[in-house]
Amino acid sequence: MLERELMTLMWAGSGGYRMEPKFPAILTDDELRAISVPVLLITGARSALITPKQARARGSLMPHAEVAVVPGSHGGFNRIGELNDRIAAFIKAQATGKQEGQPTRPPAAKW
């Protein structure tokens, strides 16, 4: 196929395409209260997306939420080993807690 023919096909195929970025909506307080599964909410101490204070406030609305703040970070990507360990520990605690009949609402935790 010639380049010109290929370009014609590409333009024809994309003529009706309209890109619309889809961002998740911010959950309302009532929607957060309705979340009944364990949640690990992680934010960085220097996060601009959700500050530790905001994370704790949002986490307090969820009945089974645990908030973890990664110190000196925007979200933990510069501490990926620690972040992975924290997530794995949360998952393990949930599995163990359910098997032993322990309460599923752990206290808010700092890293």
PDB file of N, CA and C in Angstrom:
ATOM      1  N   MET A   1       0.849  -1.170   0.000  1.00  0.00           N
ATOM      2  CA  MET A   1       0.000   0.000   0.000  1.00  0.00           C
ATOM      3  C   MET A   1       0.897   1.237   0.000  1.00  0.00           C
ATOM      4  N   LEU A   2       0.546   2.202  -0.788  1.00  0.00           N
ATOM      5  CA  LEU A   2       1.321   3.432  -0.854  1.00  0.00           C
ATOM      6  C   LEU A   2       1.040   4.309   0.361  1.00  0.00           C
ATOM      7  N   GLU A   3       2.012   5.132   0.674  1.00  0.00           N
ATOM      8  CA  GLU A   3       1.871   5.993   1.849  1.00  0.00           C
ATOM      9  C   GLU A   3       0.647   6.899   1.725  1.00  0.00           C
ATOM     10  N   ARG A   4       0.388   7.413   0.527  1.00  0.00           N
ATOM     11  CA  ARG A   4      -0.754   8.298   0.329  1.00  0.00           C
ATOM     12  C   ARG A   4      -2.067   7.548   0.578  1.00  0.00           C
ATOM     13  N   GLU A   5      -2.156   6.316   0.091  1.00  0.00           N
ATOM     14  CA  GLU A   5      -3.361   5.520   0.316  1.00  0.00           C
ATOM     15  C   GLU A   5      -3.549   5.215   1.805  1.00  0.00           C
ATOM     16  N   LEU A   6      -2.467   4.928   2.469  1.00  0.00           N
ATOM     17  CA  LEU A   6      -2.516   4.647   3.899  1.00  0.00           C
ATOM     18  C   LEU A   6      -2.983   5.876   4.678  1.00  0.00           C
ATOM     19  N   MET A   7      -2.452   7.034   4.336  1.00  0.00           N
ATOM     20  CA  MET A   7      -2.865   8.264   4.997  1.00  0.00           C
ATOM     21  C   MET A   7      -4.346   8.539   4.759  1.00  0.00           C
ATOM     22  N   THR A   8      -4.832   8.284   3.559  1.00  0.00           N
ATOM     23  CA  THR A   8      -6.255   8.479   3.247  1.00  0.00           C
ATOM     24  C   THR A   8      -7.110   7.580   4.120  1.00  0.00           C
ATOM     25  N   LEU A   9      -6.700   6.315   4.263  1.00  0.00           N
ATOM     26  CA  LEU A   9      -7.440   5.384   5.116  1.00  0.00           C
ATOM     27  C   LEU A   9      -7.403   5.812   6.576  1.00  0.00           C
ATOM     28  N   MET A  10      -6.248   6.268   7.032  1.00  0.00           N
ATOM     29  CA  MET A  10      -6.121   6.703   8.418  1.00  0.00           C
ATOM     30  C   MET A  10      -7.041   7.889   8.697  1.00  0.00           C
ATOM     31  N   TRP A  11      -7.055   8.866   7.797  1.00  0.00           N
ATOM     32  CA  TRP A  11      -7.908  10.032   8.007  1.00  0.00           C
ATOM     33  C   TRP A  11      -9.381   9.648   7.934  1.00  0.00           C
ATOM     34  N   ALA A  12      -9.738   8.739   7.041  1.00  0.00           N
ATOM     35  CA  ALA A  12     -11.128   8.296   6.930  1.00  0.00           C
ATOM     36  C   ALA A  12     -11.567   7.575   8.201  1.00  0.00           C
ATOM     37  N   GLY A  13     -10.677   6.753   8.737  1.00  0.00           N
ATOM     38  CA  GLY A  13     -11.003   5.998   9.941  1.00  0.00           C
ATOM     39  C   GLY A  13     -11.095   6.851  11.191  1.00  0.00           C
ATOM     40  N   SER A  14     -10.352   7.937  11.211  1.00  0.00           N
ATOM     41  CA  SER A  14     -10.347   8.775  12.413  1.00  0.00           C
ATOM     42  C   SER A  14     -11.253   9.992  12.282  1.00  0.00           C
ATOM     43  N   GLY A  15     -11.937  10.119  11.161  1.00  0.00           N
ATOM     44  CA  GLY A  15     -12.783  11.290  10.926  1.00  0.00           C
ATOM     45  C   GLY A  15     -13.870  11.477  11.966  1.00  0.00           C
ATOM     46  N   GLY A  16     -14.508  10.398  12.393  1.00  0.00           N
ATOM     47  CA  GLY A  16     -15.590  10.514  13.363  1.00  0.00           C
ATOM     48  C   GLY A  16     -15.149  10.329  14.803  1.00  0.00           C
ATOM     49  N   TYR A  17     -13.859  10.110  14.995  1.00  0.00           N
ATOM     50  CA  TYR A  17     -13.350   9.860  16.347  1.00  0.00           C
ATOM     51  C   TYR A  17     -13.197  11.170  17.102  1.00  0.00           C
ATOM     52  N   ARG A  18     -13.698  11.203  18.316  1.00  0.00           N
ATOM     53  CA  ARG A  18     -13.541  12.381  19.159  1.00  0.00           C
ATOM     54  C   ARG A  18     -13.011  11.923  20.510  1.00  0.00           C
ATOM     55  N   MET A  19     -11.831  12.360  20.821  1.00  0.00           N
ATOM     56  CA  MET A  19     -11.212  11.945  22.074  1.00  0.00           C
ATOM     57  C   MET A  19     -11.755  12.782  23.223  1.00  0.00           C
ATOM     58  N   GLU A  20     -12.232  12.098  24.244  1.00  0.00           N
ATOM     59  CA  GLU A  20     -12.710  12.765  25.436  1.00  0.00           C
ATOM     60  C   GLU A  20     -12.029  12.131  26.633  1.00  0.00           C
ATOM     61  N   PRO A  21     -11.188  12.888  27.312  1.00  0.00           N
ATOM     62  CA  PRO A  21     -10.554  12.304  28.505  1.00  0.00           C
ATOM     63  C   PRO A  21     -11.615  11.984  29.549  1.00  0.00           C
ATOM     64  N   LYS A  22     -11.539  10.808  30.096  1.00  0.00           N
ATOM     65  CA  LYS A  22     -12.489  10.378  31.116  1.00  0.00           C
ATOM     66  C   LYS A  22     -11.764  10.297  32.449  1.00  0.00           C
ATOM     67  N   PHE A  23     -12.075  11.193  33.322  1.00  0.00           N
ATOM     68  CA  PHE A  23     -11.495  11.189  34.644  1.00  0.00           C
ATOM     69  C   PHE A  23     -12.543  10.700  35.621  1.00  0.00           C
ATOM     70  N   PRO A  24     -12.153   9.890  36.573  1.00  0.00           N
ATOM     71  CA  PRO A  24     -13.146   9.423  37.536  1.00  0.00           C
ATOM     72  C   PRO A  24     -13.698  10.593  38.347  1.00  0.00           C
ATOM     73  N   ALA A  25     -14.970  10.506  38.632  1.00  0.00           N
ATOM     74  CA  ALA A  25     -15.599  11.540  39.442  1.00  0.00           C
ATOM     75  C   ALA A  25     -15.130  11.407  40.885  1.00  0.00           C
ATOM     76  N   ILE A  26     -15.156  12.496  41.593  1.00  0.00           N
ATOM     77  CA  ILE A  26     -14.819  12.480  43.017  1.00  0.00           C
ATOM     78  C   ILE A  26     -16.014  11.909  43.758  1.00  0.00           C
ATOM     79  N   LEU A  27     -15.750  10.914  44.581  1.00  0.00           N
ATOM     80  CA  LEU A  27     -16.833  10.278  45.331  1.00  0.00           C
ATOM     81  C   LEU A  27     -17.362  11.222  46.397  1.00  0.00           C
ATOM     82  N   THR A  28     -18.668  11.209  46.555  1.00  0.00           N
ATOM     83  CA  THR A  28     -19.283  12.023  47.596  1.00  0.00           C
ATOM     84  C   THR A  28     -19.060  11.358  48.953  1.00  0.00           C
ATOM     85  N   ASP A  29     -19.326  12.107  50.018  1.00  0.00           N
ATOM     86  CA  ASP A  29     -19.196  11.553  51.362  1.00  0.00           C
ATOM     87  C   ASP A  29     -20.100  10.334  51.534  1.00  0.00           C
ATOM     88  N   ASP A  30     -21.324  10.408  51.028  1.00  0.00           N
ATOM     89  CA  ASP A  30     -22.247   9.272  51.142  1.00  0.00           C
ATOM     90  C   ASP A  30     -21.740   8.053  50.366  1.00  0.00           C
ATOM     91  N   GLU A  31     -21.136   8.280  49.197  1.00  0.00           N
ATOM     92  CA  GLU A  31     -20.581   7.171  48.425  1.00  0.00           C
ATOM     93  C   GLU A  31     -19.411   6.528  49.170  1.00  0.00           C
ATOM     94  N   LEU A  32     -18.583   7.345  49.811  1.00  0.00           N
ATOM     95  CA  LEU A  32     -17.467   6.803  50.587  1.00  0.00           C
ATOM     96  C   LEU A  32     -17.980   5.991  51.774  1.00  0.00           C
ATOM     97  N   ARG A  33     -19.000   6.482  52.451  1.00  0.00           N
ATOM     98  CA  ARG A  33     -19.571   5.746  53.592  1.00  0.00           C
ATOM     99  C   ARG A  33     -20.141   4.398  53.168  1.00  0.00           C
ATOM    100  N   ALA A  34     -20.560   4.295  51.923  1.00  0.00           N
ATOM    101  CA  ALA A  34     -21.174   3.061  51.419  1.00  0.00           C
ATOM    102  C   ALA A  34     -20.146   1.995  51.033  1.00  0.00           C
ATOM    103  N   ILE A  35     -18.876   2.338  51.016  1.00  0.00           N
ATOM    104  CA  ILE A  35     -17.842   1.358  50.664  1.00  0.00           C
ATOM    105  C   ILE A  35     -17.672   0.410  51.837  1.00  0.00           C
ATOM    106  N   SER A  36     -17.977  -0.842  51.616  1.00  0.00           N
ATOM    107  CA  SER A  36     -17.992  -1.797  52.734  1.00  0.00           C
ATOM    108  C   SER A  36     -16.813  -2.762  52.744  1.00  0.00           C
ATOM    109  N   VAL A  37     -15.907  -2.612  51.815  1.00  0.00           N
ATOM    110  CA  VAL A  37     -14.732  -3.489  51.765  1.00  0.00           C
ATOM    111  C   VAL A  37     -13.532  -2.771  52.386  1.00  0.00           C
ATOM    112  N   PRO A  38     -12.537  -3.512  52.852  1.00  0.00           N
ATOM    113  CA  PRO A  38     -11.326  -2.865  53.384  1.00  0.00           C
ATOM    114  C   PRO A  38     -10.622  -2.049  52.300  1.00  0.00           C
ATOM    115  N   VAL A  39     -10.143  -0.885  52.699  1.00  0.00           N
ATOM    116  CA  VAL A  39      -9.492   0.035  51.765  1.00  0.00           C
ATOM    117  C   VAL A  39      -8.172   0.489  52.370  1.00  0.00           C
ATOM    118  N   LEU A  40      -7.129   0.470  51.565  1.00  0.00           N
ATOM    119  CA  LEU A  40      -5.847   1.050  51.957  1.00  0.00           C
ATOM    120  C   LEU A  40      -5.668   2.303  51.108  1.00  0.00           C
ATOM    121  N   LEU A  41      -5.733   3.448  51.742  1.00  0.00           N
ATOM    122  CA  LEU A  41      -5.585   4.721  51.058  1.00  0.00           C
ATOM    123  C   LEU A  41      -4.172   5.222  51.328  1.00  0.00           C
ATOM    124  N   ILE A  42      -3.371   5.306  50.268  1.00  0.00           N
ATOM    125  CA  ILE A  42      -1.966   5.704  50.407  1.00  0.00           C
ATOM    126  C   ILE A  42      -1.766   7.065  49.757  1.00  0.00           C
ATOM    127  N   THR A  43      -1.089   7.945  50.461  1.00  0.00           N
ATOM    128  CA  THR A  43      -0.723   9.234  49.904  1.00  0.00           C
ATOM    129  C   THR A  43       0.682   9.584  50.370  1.00  0.00           C
ATOM    130  N   GLY A  44       1.295  10.492  49.672  1.00  0.00           N
ATOM    131  CA  GLY A  44       2.624  10.942  50.060  1.00  0.00           C
ATOM    132  C   GLY A  44       2.545  12.137  50.989  1.00  0.00           C
ATOM    133  N   ALA A  45       3.528  12.290  51.820  1.00  0.00           N
ATOM    134  CA  ALA A  45       3.567  13.414  52.756  1.00  0.00           C
ATOM    135  C   ALA A  45       3.566  14.745  52.025  1.00  0.00           C
ATOM    136  N   ARG A  46       4.058  14.754  50.790  1.00  0.00           N
ATOM    137  CA  ARG A  46       4.109  15.990  50.010  1.00  0.00           C
ATOM    138  C   ARG A  46       3.216  15.924  48.776  1.00  0.00           C
ATOM    139  N   SER A  47       2.204  15.099  48.817  1.00  0.00           N
ATOM    140  CA  SER A  47       1.329  14.935  47.663  1.00  0.00           C
ATOM    141  C   SER A  47       0.482  16.171  47.422  1.00  0.00           C
ATOM    142  N   ALA A  48       0.400  16.589  46.175  1.00  0.00           N
ATOM    143  CA  ALA A  48      -0.482  17.699  45.802  1.00  0.00           C
ATOM    144  C   ALA A  48      -1.856  17.175  45.398  1.00  0.00           C
ATOM    145  N   LEU A  49      -1.934  15.900  45.043  1.00  0.00           N
ATOM    146  CA  LEU A  49      -3.202  15.309  44.619  1.00  0.00           C
ATOM    147  C   LEU A  49      -4.153  15.145  45.795  1.00  0.00           C
ATOM    148  N   ILE A  50      -3.683  14.535  46.860  1.00  0.00           N
ATOM    149  CA  ILE A  50      -4.470  14.400  48.085  1.00  0.00           C
ATOM    150  C   ILE A  50      -3.499  14.478  49.256  1.00  0.00           C
ATOM    151  N   THR A  51      -3.622  15.508  50.027  1.00  0.00           N
ATOM    152  CA  THR A  51      -2.713  15.728  51.157  1.00  0.00           C
ATOM    153  C   THR A  51      -3.003  14.704  52.256  1.00  0.00           C
ATOM    154  N   PRO A  52      -2.060  14.488  53.153  1.00  0.00           N
ATOM    155  CA  PRO A  52      -2.328  13.575  54.264  1.00  0.00           C
ATOM    156  C   PRO A  52      -3.579  13.952  55.051  1.00  0.00           C
ATOM    157  N   LYS A  53      -3.773  15.232  55.284  1.00  0.00           N
ATOM    158  CA  LYS A  53      -4.958  15.682  56.018  1.00  0.00           C
ATOM    159  C   LYS A  53      -6.237  15.312  55.261  1.00  0.00           C
ATOM    160  N   GLN A  54      -6.237  15.546  53.956  1.00  0.00           N
ATOM    161  CA  GLN A  54      -7.399  15.202  53.136  1.00  0.00           C
ATOM    162  C   GLN A  54      -7.607  13.690  53.103  1.00  0.00           C
ATOM    163  N   ALA A  55      -6.520  12.943  52.999  1.00  0.00           N
ATOM    164  CA  ALA A  55      -6.620  11.477  52.959  1.00  0.00           C
ATOM    165  C   ALA A  55      -7.219  10.947  54.257  1.00  0.00           C
ATOM    166  N   ARG A  56      -6.772  11.499  55.380  1.00  0.00           N
ATOM    167  CA  ARG A  56      -7.332  11.053  56.667  1.00  0.00           C
ATOM    168  C   ARG A  56      -8.816  11.405  56.775  1.00  0.00           C
ATOM    169  N   ALA A  57      -9.181  12.580  56.295  1.00  0.00           N
ATOM    170  CA  ALA A  57     -10.591  12.988  56.350  1.00  0.00           C
ATOM    171  C   ALA A  57     -11.449  12.086  55.467  1.00  0.00           C
ATOM    172  N   ARG A  58     -10.980  11.814  54.258  1.00  0.00           N
ATOM    173  CA  ARG A  58     -11.738  10.943  53.345  1.00  0.00           C
ATOM    174  C   ARG A  58     -11.753   9.511  53.885  1.00  0.00           C
ATOM    175  N   GLY A  59     -10.622   9.048  54.400  1.00  0.00           N
ATOM    176  CA  GLY A  59     -10.542   7.697  54.945  1.00  0.00           C
ATOM    177  C   GLY A  59     -11.438   7.504  56.149  1.00  0.00           C
ATOM    178  N   SER A  60     -11.627   8.557  56.941  1.00  0.00           N
ATOM    179  CA  SER A  60     -12.469   8.430  58.131  1.00  0.00           C
ATOM    180  C   SER A  60     -13.935   8.203  57.778  1.00  0.00           C
ATOM    181  N   LEU A  61     -14.311   8.511  56.559  1.00  0.00           N
ATOM    182  CA  LEU A  61     -15.695   8.293  56.130  1.00  0.00           C
ATOM    183  C   LEU A  61     -15.969   6.840  55.754  1.00  0.00           C
ATOM    184  N   MET A  62     -14.919   6.123  55.387  1.00  0.00           N
ATOM    185  CA  MET A  62     -15.091   4.723  54.971  1.00  0.00           C
ATOM    186  C   MET A  62     -15.007   3.824  56.196  1.00  0.00           C
ATOM    187  N   PRO A  63     -15.962   2.915  56.342  1.00  0.00           N
ATOM    188  CA  PRO A  63     -16.004   2.112  57.558  1.00  0.00           C
ATOM    189  C   PRO A  63     -14.811   1.181  57.766  1.00  0.00           C
ATOM    190  N   HIS A  64     -14.125   0.796  56.704  1.00  0.00           N
ATOM    191  CA  HIS A  64     -13.010  -0.155  56.835  1.00  0.00           C
ATOM    192  C   HIS A  64     -11.759   0.363  56.132  1.00  0.00           C
ATOM    193  N   ALA A  65     -11.452   1.641  56.340  1.00  0.00           N
ATOM    194  CA  ALA A  65     -10.313   2.244  55.654  1.00  0.00           C
ATOM    195  C   ALA A  65      -9.119   2.389  56.573  1.00  0.00           C
ATOM    196  N   GLU A  66      -7.959   2.233  55.975  1.00  0.00           N
ATOM    197  CA  GLU A  66      -6.690   2.482  56.650  1.00  0.00           C
ATOM    198  C   GLU A  66      -5.934   3.481  55.786  1.00  0.00           C
ATOM    199  N   VAL A  67      -5.416   4.521  56.396  1.00  0.00           N
ATOM    200  CA  VAL A  67      -4.684   5.557  55.669  1.00  0.00           C
ATOM    201  C   VAL A  67      -3.203   5.418  55.989  1.00  0.00           C
ATOM    202  N   ALA A  68      -2.392   5.371  54.956  1.00  0.00           N
ATOM    203  CA  ALA A  68      -0.939   5.301  55.121  1.00  0.00           C
ATOM    204  C   ALA A  68      -0.317   6.499  54.410  1.00  0.00           C
ATOM    205  N   VAL A  69       0.581   7.181  55.098  1.00  0.00           N
ATOM    206  CA  VAL A  69       1.260   8.343  54.536  1.00  0.00           C
ATOM    207  C   VAL A  69       2.720   7.980  54.314  1.00  0.00           C
ATOM    208  N   VAL A  70       3.160   8.098  53.069  1.00  0.00           N
ATOM    209  CA  VAL A  70       4.548   7.807  52.723  1.00  0.00           C
ATOM    210  C   VAL A  70       5.375   9.060  53.045  1.00  0.00           C
ATOM    211  N   PRO A  71       6.309   8.974  53.988  1.00  0.00           N
ATOM    212  CA  PRO A  71       7.071  10.163  54.375  1.00  0.00           C
ATOM    213  C   PRO A  71       7.977  10.659  53.251  1.00  0.00           C
ATOM    214  N   GLY A  72       8.079  11.986  53.173  1.00  0.00           N
ATOM    215  CA  GLY A  72       8.994  12.611  52.227  1.00  0.00           C
ATOM    216  C   GLY A  72       8.732  12.263  50.787  1.00  0.00           C
ATOM    217  N   SER A  73       7.500  12.019  50.423  1.00  0.00           N
ATOM    218  CA  SER A  73       7.202  11.537  49.087  1.00  0.00           C
ATOM    219  C   SER A  73       5.963  12.215  48.530  1.00  0.00           C
ATOM    220  N   HIS A  74       5.866  12.146  47.215  1.00  0.00           N
ATOM    221  CA  HIS A  74       4.664  12.628  46.536  1.00  0.00           C
ATOM    222  C   HIS A  74       3.659  11.494  46.368  1.00  0.00           C
ATOM    223  N   GLY A  75       4.035  10.267  46.626  1.00  0.00           N
ATOM    224  CA  GLY A  75       3.105   9.164  46.475  1.00  0.00           C
ATOM    225  C   GLY A  75       3.740   7.805  46.602  1.00  0.00           C
ATOM    226  N   GLY A  76       5.014   7.740  46.852  1.00  0.00           N
ATOM    227  CA  GLY A  76       5.654   6.471  47.124  1.00  0.00           C
ATOM    228  C   GLY A  76       6.420   5.870  45.969  1.00  0.00           C
ATOM    229  N   PHE A  77       6.350   6.474  44.806  1.00  0.00           N
ATOM    230  CA  PHE A  77       7.018   5.866  43.661  1.00  0.00           C
ATOM    231  C   PHE A  77       8.531   5.889  43.785  1.00  0.00           C
ATOM    232  N   ASN A  78       9.049   6.774  44.606  1.00  0.00           N
ATOM    233  CA  ASN A  78      10.492   6.769  44.843  1.00  0.00           C
ATOM    234  C   ASN A  78      10.853   5.811  45.979  1.00  0.00           C
ATOM    235  N   ARG A  79       9.854   5.153  46.565  1.00  0.00           N
ATOM    236  CA  ARG A  79      10.072   4.177  47.638  1.00  0.00           C
ATOM    237  C   ARG A  79       9.271   2.922  47.321  1.00  0.00           C
ATOM    238  N   ILE A  80       9.414   2.442  46.110  1.00  0.00           N
ATOM    239  CA  ILE A  80       8.549   1.373  45.605  1.00  0.00           C
ATOM    240  C   ILE A  80       8.655   0.085  46.415  1.00  0.00           C
ATOM    241  N   GLY A  81       9.840  -0.251  46.919  1.00  0.00           N
ATOM    242  CA  GLY A  81       9.990  -1.454  47.734  1.00  0.00           C
ATOM    243  C   GLY A  81       9.160  -1.374  49.006  1.00  0.00           C
ATOM    244  N   GLU A  82       9.255  -0.237  49.692  1.00  0.00           N
ATOM    245  CA  GLU A  82       8.475  -0.037  50.919  1.00  0.00           C
ATOM    246  C   GLU A  82       6.983   0.000  50.611  1.00  0.00           C
ATOM    247  N   LEU A  83       6.638   0.624  49.507  1.00  0.00           N
ATOM    248  CA  LEU A  83       5.240   0.718  49.102  1.00  0.00           C
ATOM    249  C   LEU A  83       4.662  -0.669  48.841  1.00  0.00           C
ATOM    250  N   ASN A  84       5.393  -1.484  48.109  1.00  0.00           N
ATOM    251  CA  ASN A  84       4.942  -2.854  47.838  1.00  0.00           C
ATOM    252  C   ASN A  84       4.808  -3.664  49.125  1.00  0.00           C
ATOM    253  N   ASP A  85       5.767  -3.503  50.033  1.00  0.00           N
ATOM    254  CA  ASP A  85       5.695  -4.211  51.322  1.00  0.00           C
ATOM    255  C   ASP A  85       4.458  -3.786  52.108  1.00  0.00           C
ATOM    256  N   ARG A  86       4.151  -2.498  52.086  1.00  0.00           N
ATOM    257  CA  ARG A  86       2.996  -1.972  52.823  1.00  0.00           C
ATOM    258  C   ARG A  86       1.692  -2.518  52.260  1.00  0.00           C
ATOM    259  N   ILE A  87       1.594  -2.555  50.937  1.00  0.00           N
ATOM    260  CA  ILE A  87       0.388  -3.084  50.288  1.00  0.00           C
ATOM    261  C   ILE A  87       0.237  -4.570  50.591  1.00  0.00           C
ATOM    262  N   ALA A  88       1.337  -5.318  50.498  1.00  0.00           N
ATOM    263  CA  ALA A  88       1.297  -6.759  50.784  1.00  0.00           C
ATOM    264  C   ALA A  88       0.888  -7.013  52.237  1.00  0.00           C
ATOM    265  N   ALA A  89       1.403  -6.201  53.168  1.00  0.00           N
ATOM    266  CA  ALA A  89       1.049  -6.363  54.578  1.00  0.00           C
ATOM    267  C   ALA A  89      -0.439  -6.088  54.808  1.00  0.00           C
ATOM    268  N   PHE A  90      -0.972  -5.098  54.123  1.00  0.00           N
ATOM    269  CA  PHE A  90      -2.396  -4.784  54.243  1.00  0.00           C
ATOM    270  C   PHE A  90      -3.244  -5.962  53.752  1.00  0.00           C
ATOM    271  N   ILE A  91      -2.884  -6.491  52.600  1.00  0.00           N
ATOM    272  CA  ILE A  91      -3.636  -7.621  52.043  1.00  0.00           C
ATOM    273  C   ILE A  91      -3.558  -8.821  52.979  1.00  0.00           C
ATOM    274  N   LYS A  92      -2.367  -9.111  53.480  1.00  0.00           N
ATOM    275  CA  LYS A  92      -2.192 -10.242  54.387  1.00  0.00           C
ATOM    276  C   LYS A  92      -2.997 -10.040  55.673  1.00  0.00           C
ATOM    277  N   ALA A  93      -2.981  -8.826  56.210  1.00  0.00           N
ATOM    278  CA  ALA A  93      -3.734  -8.541  57.436  1.00  0.00           C
ATOM    279  C   ALA A  93      -5.232  -8.730  57.224  1.00  0.00           C
ATOM    280  N   GLN A  94      -5.713  -8.352  56.067  1.00  0.00           N
ATOM    281  CA  GLN A  94      -7.142  -8.524  55.779  1.00  0.00           C
ATOM    282  C   GLN A  94      -7.495 -10.002  55.694  1.00  0.00           C
ATOM    283  N   ALA A  95      -6.659 -10.769  55.021  1.00  0.00           N
ATOM    284  CA  ALA A  95      -6.918 -12.209  54.890  1.00  0.00           C
ATOM    285  C   ALA A  95      -6.840 -12.890  56.256  1.00  0.00           C
ATOM    286  N   THR A  96      -5.859 -12.536  57.038  1.00  0.00           N
ATOM    287  CA  THR A  96      -5.682 -13.125  58.366  1.00  0.00           C
ATOM    288  C   THR A  96      -6.794 -12.690  59.300  1.00  0.00           C
ATOM    289  N   GLY A  97      -7.139 -11.412  59.270  1.00  0.00           N
ATOM    290  CA  GLY A  97      -8.189 -10.868  60.129  1.00  0.00           C
ATOM    291  C   GLY A  97      -9.532 -11.518  59.867  1.00  0.00           C
ATOM    292  N   LYS A  98      -9.836 -11.780  58.638  1.00  0.00           N
ATOM    293  CA  LYS A  98     -11.112 -12.398  58.300  1.00  0.00           C
ATOM    294  C   LYS A  98     -11.148 -13.842  58.768  1.00  0.00           C
ATOM    295  N   GLN A  99     -10.025 -14.534  58.634  1.00  0.00           N
ATOM    296  CA  GLN A  99      -9.974 -15.936  59.038  1.00  0.00           C
ATOM    297  C   GLN A  99     -10.088 -16.075  60.551  1.00  0.00           C
ATOM    298  N   GLU A 100      -9.529 -15.127  61.277  1.00  0.00           N
ATOM    299  CA  GLU A 100      -9.527 -15.206  62.732  1.00  0.00           C
ATOM    300  C   GLU A 100     -10.696 -14.466  63.357  1.00  0.00           C
ATOM    301  N   GLY A 101     -11.540 -13.842  62.517  1.00  0.00           N
ATOM    302  CA  GLY A 101     -12.678 -13.109  63.037  1.00  0.00           C
ATOM    303  C   GLY A 101     -12.303 -11.810  63.726  1.00  0.00           C
ATOM    304  N   GLN A 102     -11.148 -11.249  63.399  1.00  0.00           N
ATOM    305  CA  GLN A 102     -10.731  -9.990  64.000  1.00  0.00           C
ATOM    306  C   GLN A 102     -11.441  -8.840  63.301  1.00  0.00           C
ATOM    307  N   PRO A 103     -11.559  -7.713  63.984  1.00  0.00           N
ATOM    308  CA  PRO A 103     -12.174  -6.562  63.326  1.00  0.00           C
ATOM    309  C   PRO A 103     -11.376  -6.149  62.107  1.00  0.00           C
ATOM    310  N   THR A 104     -12.064  -5.665  61.083  1.00  0.00           N
ATOM    311  CA  THR A 104     -11.382  -5.305  59.846  1.00  0.00           C
ATOM    312  C   THR A 104     -10.975  -3.842  59.793  1.00  0.00           C
ATOM    313  N   ARG A 105     -11.374  -3.046  60.755  1.00  0.00           N
ATOM    314  CA  ARG A 105     -10.995  -1.624  60.733  1.00  0.00           C
ATOM    315  C   ARG A 105      -9.741  -1.391  61.551  1.00  0.00           C
ATOM    316  N   PRO A 106      -8.574  -1.401  60.888  1.00  0.00           N
ATOM    317  CA  PRO A 106      -7.335  -1.124  61.601  1.00  0.00           C
ATOM    318  C   PRO A 106      -7.207   0.375  61.842  1.00  0.00           C
ATOM    319  N   PRO A 107      -6.400   0.771  62.809  1.00  0.00           N
ATOM    320  CA  PRO A 107      -6.206   2.198  63.055  1.00  0.00           C
ATOM    321  C   PRO A 107      -5.449   2.848  61.898  1.00  0.00           C
ATOM    322  N   ALA A 108      -5.637   4.151  61.731  1.00  0.00           N
ATOM    323  CA  ALA A 108      -4.889   4.875  60.714  1.00  0.00           C
ATOM    324  C   ALA A 108      -3.405   4.721  61.010  1.00  0.00           C
ATOM    325  N   ALA A 109      -2.630   4.552  59.970  1.00  0.00           N
ATOM    326  CA  ALA A 109      -1.208   4.269  60.190  1.00  0.00           C
ATOM    327  C   ALA A 109      -0.330   5.253  59.432  1.00  0.00           C
ATOM    328  N   LYS A 110       0.788   5.600  60.022  1.00  0.00           N
ATOM    329  CA  LYS A 110       1.836   6.327  59.322  1.00  0.00           C
ATOM    330  C   LYS A 110       2.887   5.311  58.939  1.00  0.00           C
ATOM    331  N   TRP A 111       3.597   5.601  57.924  1.00  0.00           N
ATOM    332  CA  TRP A 111       4.609   4.689  57.398  1.00  0.00           C
ATOM    333  C   TRP A 111       5.602   4.343  58.415  1.00  0.00           C
TER     334      TRP A 111
END
